[in-house]
Amino acid sequence: LFISEYAEGTGYNKYIEIYNGTGSAVNLSEYQIWKITNGGSWSEDTLNLSGTLEYNDVYIICSSDPSVDSIITASADTTWNKANWNGDDAVGLAKLGVLIDAVGTDGIDPGNGWSVAGINEATQSHTLVRKCFVTEGNTNWITSSGTDSLNSEWIVLPENDWTYIGYHWLCQNIYVPGCTDSLACNYDSLATIDDSSCIYPTTSTTSV
């Protein structure tokens, strides 16, 4: 199991999505969601999960505030009054009391949010979706967040983008990241979502 999607939207439009890519159903009673605030230590707040998560399915936890967007609540499996993170609050997935995946890290207050895929403060006012090559959790936030769109484990989507809530779209090959601009040198006709990797030709003038 690992975190497949993280959203930090306006108001209480916050959720985290867990994906089961293990090949079989998983008993969620062994798992917890952890949250820490403003550079604290794991784990200040804990949500014990329950039920069974089938293979290739997702489990969504969102805020319990009544103002949450109906698109989110319709997909959510459970609510949590601590699902009110801002960009500088780390959220993690733990199994039997051991952290196995996280967005952000403990002991560090990044200010407004952590950078992801080269996008400044991307854990604030964005939705993060895990790339398909990721097959397990990663507690090393430096390698998970990456430094650009190519080495990051995440695709960064705009604020309040709930388009892919409810299924781990990248691993189901429904959408393919790449350069979608036909004017770019590395245009990918198979790509269905732009991952900011486009490379453009440079122009120069030569005097005769």
C-alpha atoms as a PDB file:
ATOM      1  CA  LEU A   1       0.000   0.000   0.000  1.00  0.00           C
ATOM      2  CA  PHE A   2       1.121   3.552  -0.646  1.00  0.00           C
ATOM      3  CA  ILE A   3      -0.227   7.093  -0.972  1.00  0.00           C
ATOM      4  CA  SER A   4      -1.475   7.518  -4.538  1.00  0.00           C
ATOM      5  CA  GLU A   5      -2.984  10.997  -4.230  1.00  0.00           C
ATOM      6  CA  TYR A   6      -2.816  13.980  -1.885  1.00  0.00           C
ATOM      7  CA  ALA A   7      -4.962  17.097  -2.134  1.00  0.00           C
ATOM      8  CA  GLU A   8      -4.615  20.450  -0.386  1.00  0.00           C
ATOM      9  CA  GLY A   9      -7.453  22.520  -1.786  1.00  0.00           C
ATOM     10  CA  THR A  10      -9.297  25.620  -0.671  1.00  0.00           C
ATOM     11  CA  GLY A  11     -11.081  25.576   2.653  1.00  0.00           C
ATOM     12  CA  TYR A  12     -11.523  22.023   3.965  1.00  0.00           C
ATOM     13  CA  ASN A  13     -11.145  20.392   0.559  1.00  0.00           C
ATOM     14  CA  LYS A  14      -8.389  18.058   1.728  1.00  0.00           C
ATOM     15  CA  TYR A  15      -8.022  14.336   1.145  1.00  0.00           C
ATOM     16  CA  ILE A  16      -5.495  11.554   0.912  1.00  0.00           C
ATOM     17  CA  GLU A  17      -5.882   8.446  -1.244  1.00  0.00           C
ATOM     18  CA  ILE A  18      -4.297   5.050  -0.506  1.00  0.00           C
ATOM     19  CA  TYR A  19      -3.736   2.540  -3.332  1.00  0.00           C
ATOM     20  CA  ASN A  20      -3.526  -1.243  -3.014  1.00  0.00           C
ATOM     21  CA  GLY A  21      -1.131  -2.578  -5.618  1.00  0.00           C
ATOM     22  CA  THR A  22      -0.134  -5.677  -3.632  1.00  0.00           C
ATOM     23  CA  GLY A  23      -1.963  -8.191  -5.826  1.00  0.00           C
ATOM     24  CA  SER A  24      -4.449  -9.235  -3.155  1.00  0.00           C
ATOM     25  CA  ALA A  25      -6.962  -7.802  -0.704  1.00  0.00           C
ATOM     26  CA  VAL A  26      -5.503  -6.066   2.378  1.00  0.00           C
ATOM     27  CA  ASN A  27      -6.824  -5.875   5.931  1.00  0.00           C
ATOM     28  CA  LEU A  28      -6.724  -2.158   6.717  1.00  0.00           C
ATOM     29  CA  SER A  29      -6.838  -2.687  10.493  1.00  0.00           C
ATOM     30  CA  GLU A  30      -3.030  -2.934  10.379  1.00  0.00           C
ATOM     31  CA  TYR A  31      -2.730   0.575   8.923  1.00  0.00           C
ATOM     32  CA  GLN A  32      -2.942   4.146  10.197  1.00  0.00           C
ATOM     33  CA  ILE A  33      -2.867   7.657   8.798  1.00  0.00           C
ATOM     34  CA  TRP A  34      -0.463   9.923  10.650  1.00  0.00           C
ATOM     35  CA  LYS A  35      -0.345  13.701  10.625  1.00  0.00           C
ATOM     36  CA  ILE A  36       2.057  16.239  12.091  1.00  0.00           C
ATOM     37  CA  THR A  37       1.756  20.013  12.145  1.00  0.00           C
ATOM     38  CA  ASN A  38       4.366  22.686  11.420  1.00  0.00           C
ATOM     39  CA  GLY A  39       7.507  20.595  11.795  1.00  0.00           C
ATOM     40  CA  GLY A  40       6.423  18.315  14.638  1.00  0.00           C
ATOM     41  CA  SER A  41       7.299  14.643  15.146  1.00  0.00           C
ATOM     42  CA  TRP A  42       5.505  11.486  13.999  1.00  0.00           C
ATOM     43  CA  SER A  43       2.861  11.065  14.966  1.00  0.00           C
ATOM     44  CA  GLU A  44       0.894  13.837  16.606  1.00  0.00           C
ATOM     45  CA  ASP A  45      -2.478  12.753  15.181  1.00  0.00           C
ATOM     46  CA  THR A  46      -3.473   9.203  14.258  1.00  0.00           C
ATOM     47  CA  LEU A  47      -6.393   7.690  12.366  1.00  0.00           C
ATOM     48  CA  ASN A  48      -6.829   3.920  12.651  1.00  0.00           C
ATOM     49  CA  LEU A  49      -8.135   2.441   9.409  1.00  0.00           C
ATOM     50  CA  SER A  50     -10.568  -0.468   9.165  1.00  0.00           C
ATOM     51  CA  GLY A  51     -12.187  -2.747   6.620  1.00  0.00           C
ATOM     52  CA  THR A  52     -10.733  -4.454   3.557  1.00  0.00           C
ATOM     53  CA  LEU A  53      -9.127  -2.770   0.568  1.00  0.00           C
ATOM     54  CA  GLU A  54      -9.330  -4.865  -2.575  1.00  0.00           C
ATOM     55  CA  TYR A  55      -6.440  -5.173  -5.011  1.00  0.00           C
ATOM     56  CA  ASN A  56      -6.210  -2.279  -7.499  1.00  0.00           C
ATOM     57  CA  ASP A  57      -8.664  -0.237  -5.439  1.00  0.00           C
ATOM     58  CA  VAL A  58      -8.182   2.943  -3.427  1.00  0.00           C
ATOM     59  CA  TYR A  59      -9.227   4.139   0.032  1.00  0.00           C
ATOM     60  CA  ILE A  60      -9.904   7.851   0.515  1.00  0.00           C
ATOM     61  CA  ILE A  61      -9.843   9.854   3.731  1.00  0.00           C
ATOM     62  CA  CYS A  62     -11.159  13.417   3.655  1.00  0.00           C
ATOM     63  CA  SER A  63     -12.065  16.169   6.098  1.00  0.00           C
ATOM     64  CA  SER A  64     -15.249  15.732   8.121  1.00  0.00           C
ATOM     65  CA  ASP A  65     -16.167  19.412   7.738  1.00  0.00           C
ATOM     66  CA  PRO A  66     -19.607  19.836   6.078  1.00  0.00           C
ATOM     67  CA  SER A  67     -18.210  22.332   3.575  1.00  0.00           C
ATOM     68  CA  VAL A  68     -16.133  19.700   1.721  1.00  0.00           C
ATOM     69  CA  ASP A  69     -16.835  19.537  -2.023  1.00  0.00           C
ATOM     70  CA  SER A  70     -19.440  16.884  -2.861  1.00  0.00           C
ATOM     71  CA  ILE A  71     -17.105  15.395  -5.471  1.00  0.00           C
ATOM     72  CA  ILE A  72     -14.716  14.510  -2.665  1.00  0.00           C
ATOM     73  CA  THR A  73     -17.302  13.257  -0.189  1.00  0.00           C
ATOM     74  CA  ALA A  74     -18.937  11.061  -2.833  1.00  0.00           C
ATOM     75  CA  SER A  75     -15.640   9.217  -3.300  1.00  0.00           C
ATOM     76  CA  ALA A  76     -14.484   9.175   0.325  1.00  0.00           C
ATOM     77  CA  ASP A  77     -14.446   5.969   2.368  1.00  0.00           C
ATOM     78  CA  THR A  78     -14.127   7.739   5.701  1.00  0.00           C
ATOM     79  CA  THR A  79     -13.800  11.222   7.176  1.00  0.00           C
ATOM     80  CA  TRP A  80     -11.383  12.575   9.759  1.00  0.00           C
ATOM     81  CA  ASN A  81     -11.557  15.833  11.656  1.00  0.00           C
ATOM     82  CA  LYS A  82      -7.763  16.087  11.497  1.00  0.00           C
ATOM     83  CA  ALA A  83      -7.757  16.035   7.684  1.00  0.00           C
ATOM     84  CA  ASN A  84      -7.272  19.795   7.697  1.00  0.00           C
ATOM     85  CA  TRP A  85      -3.638  19.974   6.662  1.00  0.00           C
ATOM     86  CA  ASN A  86      -2.028  22.962   5.054  1.00  0.00           C
ATOM     87  CA  GLY A  87       1.039  22.734   2.854  1.00  0.00           C
ATOM     88  CA  ASP A  88       3.469  22.573   5.768  1.00  0.00           C
ATOM     89  CA  ASP A  89       1.725  19.686   7.588  1.00  0.00           C
ATOM     90  CA  ALA A  90       3.163  16.245   6.825  1.00  0.00           C
ATOM     91  CA  VAL A  91       0.823  13.291   6.265  1.00  0.00           C
ATOM     92  CA  GLY A  92       1.932   9.664   6.383  1.00  0.00           C
ATOM     93  CA  LEU A  93       0.795   6.058   6.036  1.00  0.00           C
ATOM     94  CA  ALA A  94       1.920   3.616   8.727  1.00  0.00           C
ATOM     95  CA  LYS A  95       1.670  -0.152   9.105  1.00  0.00           C
ATOM     96  CA  LEU A  96       1.727  -1.700  12.566  1.00  0.00           C
ATOM     97  CA  GLY A  97       3.127   1.520  13.981  1.00  0.00           C
ATOM     98  CA  VAL A  98       5.905   1.936  11.395  1.00  0.00           C
ATOM     99  CA  LEU A  99       5.830   4.734   8.823  1.00  0.00           C
ATOM    100  CA  ILE A 100       5.867   3.313   5.260  1.00  0.00           C
ATOM    101  CA  ASP A 101       5.034   6.358   3.119  1.00  0.00           C
ATOM    102  CA  ALA A 102       4.664  10.111   3.519  1.00  0.00           C
ATOM    103  CA  VAL A 103       3.999  13.478   1.948  1.00  0.00           C
ATOM    104  CA  GLY A 104       6.388  15.826   3.695  1.00  0.00           C
ATOM    105  CA  THR A 105       8.653  14.937   6.601  1.00  0.00           C
ATOM    106  CA  ASP A 106       8.883  15.365  10.349  1.00  0.00           C
ATOM    107  CA  GLY A 107      11.059  17.856  12.170  1.00  0.00           C
ATOM    108  CA  ILE A 108      10.959  20.440   9.367  1.00  0.00           C
ATOM    109  CA  ASP A 109       8.604  23.371   8.886  1.00  0.00           C
ATOM    110  CA  PRO A 110       9.033  24.287   5.207  1.00  0.00           C
ATOM    111  CA  GLY A 111       7.149  27.561   5.480  1.00  0.00           C
ATOM    112  CA  ASN A 112       4.114  27.501   3.228  1.00  0.00           C
ATOM    113  CA  GLY A 113       4.847  24.072   1.758  1.00  0.00           C
ATOM    114  CA  TRP A 114       7.395  21.630   0.322  1.00  0.00           C
ATOM    115  CA  SER A 115       8.577  21.798  -3.261  1.00  0.00           C
ATOM    116  CA  VAL A 116       7.638  18.847  -5.492  1.00  0.00           C
ATOM    117  CA  ALA A 117       8.875  18.102  -9.017  1.00  0.00           C
ATOM    118  CA  GLY A 118      10.594  21.483  -9.106  1.00  0.00           C
ATOM    119  CA  ILE A 119       7.389  23.371  -8.283  1.00  0.00           C
ATOM    120  CA  ASN A 120       7.789  25.665  -5.292  1.00  0.00           C
ATOM    121  CA  GLU A 121       5.443  25.041  -2.339  1.00  0.00           C
ATOM    122  CA  ALA A 122       3.617  22.315  -4.284  1.00  0.00           C
ATOM    123  CA  THR A 123       2.187  20.660  -1.169  1.00  0.00           C
ATOM    124  CA  GLN A 124       0.094  23.791  -0.709  1.00  0.00           C
ATOM    125  CA  SER A 125      -2.799  24.615  -3.056  1.00  0.00           C
ATOM    126  CA  HIS A 126      -2.192  21.614  -5.334  1.00  0.00           C
ATOM    127  CA  THR A 127      -3.175  18.012  -5.877  1.00  0.00           C
ATOM    128  CA  LEU A 128      -0.351  15.461  -6.071  1.00  0.00           C
ATOM    129  CA  VAL A 129      -0.752  12.174  -7.962  1.00  0.00           C
ATOM    130  CA  ARG A 130       1.782   9.331  -7.727  1.00  0.00           C
ATOM    131  CA  LYS A 131       3.467   8.211 -10.937  1.00  0.00           C
ATOM    132  CA  CYS A 132       3.008   4.683 -12.207  1.00  0.00           C
ATOM    133  CA  PHE A 133       6.614   3.542 -11.739  1.00  0.00           C
ATOM    134  CA  VAL A 134       6.115   3.816  -7.973  1.00  0.00           C
ATOM    135  CA  THR A 135       5.203   0.405  -6.560  1.00  0.00           C
ATOM    136  CA  GLU A 136       5.720   0.986  -2.841  1.00  0.00           C
ATOM    137  CA  GLY A 137       5.875   3.739  -0.253  1.00  0.00           C
ATOM    138  CA  ASN A 138       8.871   5.991   0.244  1.00  0.00           C
ATOM    139  CA  THR A 139       9.660   7.645   3.568  1.00  0.00           C
ATOM    140  CA  ASN A 140      12.604   9.553   2.078  1.00  0.00           C
ATOM    141  CA  TRP A 141      10.835  12.759   1.115  1.00  0.00           C
ATOM    142  CA  ILE A 142      13.881  14.150  -0.701  1.00  0.00           C
ATOM    143  CA  THR A 143      13.859  11.336  -3.253  1.00  0.00           C
ATOM    144  CA  SER A 144      10.070  11.115  -3.347  1.00  0.00           C
ATOM    145  CA  SER A 145       9.470  14.811  -4.054  1.00  0.00           C
ATOM    146  CA  GLY A 146      12.381  15.064  -6.498  1.00  0.00           C
ATOM    147  CA  THR A 147      13.873  18.169  -8.052  1.00  0.00           C
ATOM    148  CA  ASP A 148      12.070  18.245 -11.414  1.00  0.00           C
ATOM    149  CA  SER A 149       9.189  16.683 -13.334  1.00  0.00           C
ATOM    150  CA  LEU A 150      11.335  13.746 -14.451  1.00  0.00           C
ATOM    151  CA  ASN A 151      12.853  12.478 -11.195  1.00  0.00           C
ATOM    152  CA  SER A 152       9.904  13.220  -8.904  1.00  0.00           C
ATOM    153  CA  GLU A 153       7.539  10.415  -7.901  1.00  0.00           C
ATOM    154  CA  TRP A 154       4.622  12.852  -8.265  1.00  0.00           C
ATOM    155  CA  ILE A 155       2.629  14.691 -10.895  1.00  0.00           C
ATOM    156  CA  VAL A 156       1.593  18.142  -9.601  1.00  0.00           C
ATOM    157  CA  LEU A 157      -1.928  19.233 -10.574  1.00  0.00           C
ATOM    158  CA  PRO A 158      -3.603  22.619  -9.966  1.00  0.00           C
ATOM    159  CA  GLU A 159      -5.512  23.581  -6.842  1.00  0.00           C
ATOM    160  CA  ASN A 160      -8.968  21.987  -6.466  1.00  0.00           C
ATOM    161  CA  ASP A 161      -8.341  19.467  -9.260  1.00  0.00           C
ATOM    162  CA  TRP A 162     -10.297  16.369  -8.192  1.00  0.00           C
ATOM    163  CA  THR A 163     -10.344  14.872 -11.702  1.00  0.00           C
ATOM    164  CA  TYR A 164      -8.705  11.578 -10.785  1.00  0.00           C
ATOM    165  CA  ILE A 165     -10.108  10.972  -7.309  1.00  0.00           C
ATOM    166  CA  GLY A 166     -11.342   7.433  -6.726  1.00  0.00           C
ATOM    167  CA  TYR A 167      -8.838   5.425  -8.785  1.00  0.00           C
ATOM    168  CA  HIS A 168      -5.102   5.361  -9.269  1.00  0.00           C
ATOM    169  CA  TRP A 169      -5.280   6.569 -12.858  1.00  0.00           C
ATOM    170  CA  LEU A 170      -1.599   6.439 -13.767  1.00  0.00           C
ATOM    171  CA  CYS A 171      -1.243   2.768 -12.857  1.00  0.00           C
ATOM    172  CA  GLN A 172      -4.386   1.886 -14.744  1.00  0.00           C
ATOM    173  CA  ASN A 173      -2.835   3.406 -17.897  1.00  0.00           C
ATOM    174  CA  ILE A 174      -5.869   5.616 -18.456  1.00  0.00           C
ATOM    175  CA  TYR A 175      -3.692   8.693 -18.847  1.00  0.00           C
ATOM    176  CA  VAL A 176      -0.072   8.951 -19.977  1.00  0.00           C
ATOM    177  CA  PRO A 177       2.190  11.840 -18.871  1.00  0.00           C
ATOM    178  CA  GLY A 178       4.482  13.501 -21.395  1.00  0.00           C
ATOM    179  CA  CYS A 179       4.918  16.545 -23.607  1.00  0.00           C
ATOM    180  CA  THR A 180       1.597  17.373 -25.261  1.00  0.00           C
ATOM    181  CA  ASP A 181       2.696  20.461 -27.223  1.00  0.00           C
ATOM    182  CA  SER A 182       3.075  19.576 -30.908  1.00  0.00           C
ATOM    183  CA  LEU A 183       5.489  22.502 -31.337  1.00  0.00           C
ATOM    184  CA  ALA A 184       8.007  20.971 -28.933  1.00  0.00           C
ATOM    185  CA  CYS A 185      10.986  18.870 -30.005  1.00  0.00           C
ATOM    186  CA  ASN A 186       9.940  16.007 -27.727  1.00  0.00           C
ATOM    187  CA  TYR A 187       6.198  16.058 -28.492  1.00  0.00           C
ATOM    188  CA  ASP A 188       4.608  12.745 -27.503  1.00  0.00           C
ATOM    189  CA  SER A 189       1.485  11.920 -29.480  1.00  0.00           C
ATOM    190  CA  LEU A 190       0.582   9.225 -26.947  1.00  0.00           C
ATOM    191  CA  ALA A 191       0.701  11.584 -23.943  1.00  0.00           C
ATOM    192  CA  THR A 192      -2.640  12.663 -22.505  1.00  0.00           C
ATOM    193  CA  ILE A 193      -1.432  14.934 -19.692  1.00  0.00           C
ATOM    194  CA  ASP A 194       1.409  17.444 -19.893  1.00  0.00           C
ATOM    195  CA  ASP A 195       4.198  16.813 -17.368  1.00  0.00           C
ATOM    196  CA  SER A 196       6.142  20.051 -18.048  1.00  0.00           C
ATOM    197  CA  SER A 197       8.931  18.162 -19.847  1.00  0.00           C
ATOM    198  CA  CYS A 198       8.552  19.916 -23.238  1.00  0.00           C
ATOM    199  CA  ILE A 199      11.781  21.026 -24.928  1.00  0.00           C
ATOM    200  CA  TYR A 200      11.604  23.756 -27.562  1.00  0.00           C
ATOM    201  CA  PRO A 201      14.023  24.553 -30.395  1.00  0.00           C
ATOM    202  CA  THR A 202      16.159  27.631 -30.046  1.00  0.00           C
ATOM    203  CA  THR A 203      16.221  30.196 -32.837  1.00  0.00           C
ATOM    204  CA  SER A 204      19.202  32.182 -34.039  1.00  0.00           C
ATOM    205  CA  THR A 205      19.923  34.650 -36.804  1.00  0.00           C
ATOM    206  CA  THR A 206      22.980  34.652 -39.018  1.00  0.00           C
ATOM    207  CA  SER A 207      24.155  37.796 -40.799  1.00  0.00           C
ATOM    208  CA  VAL A 208      25.396  37.449 -44.385  1.00  0.00           C
END
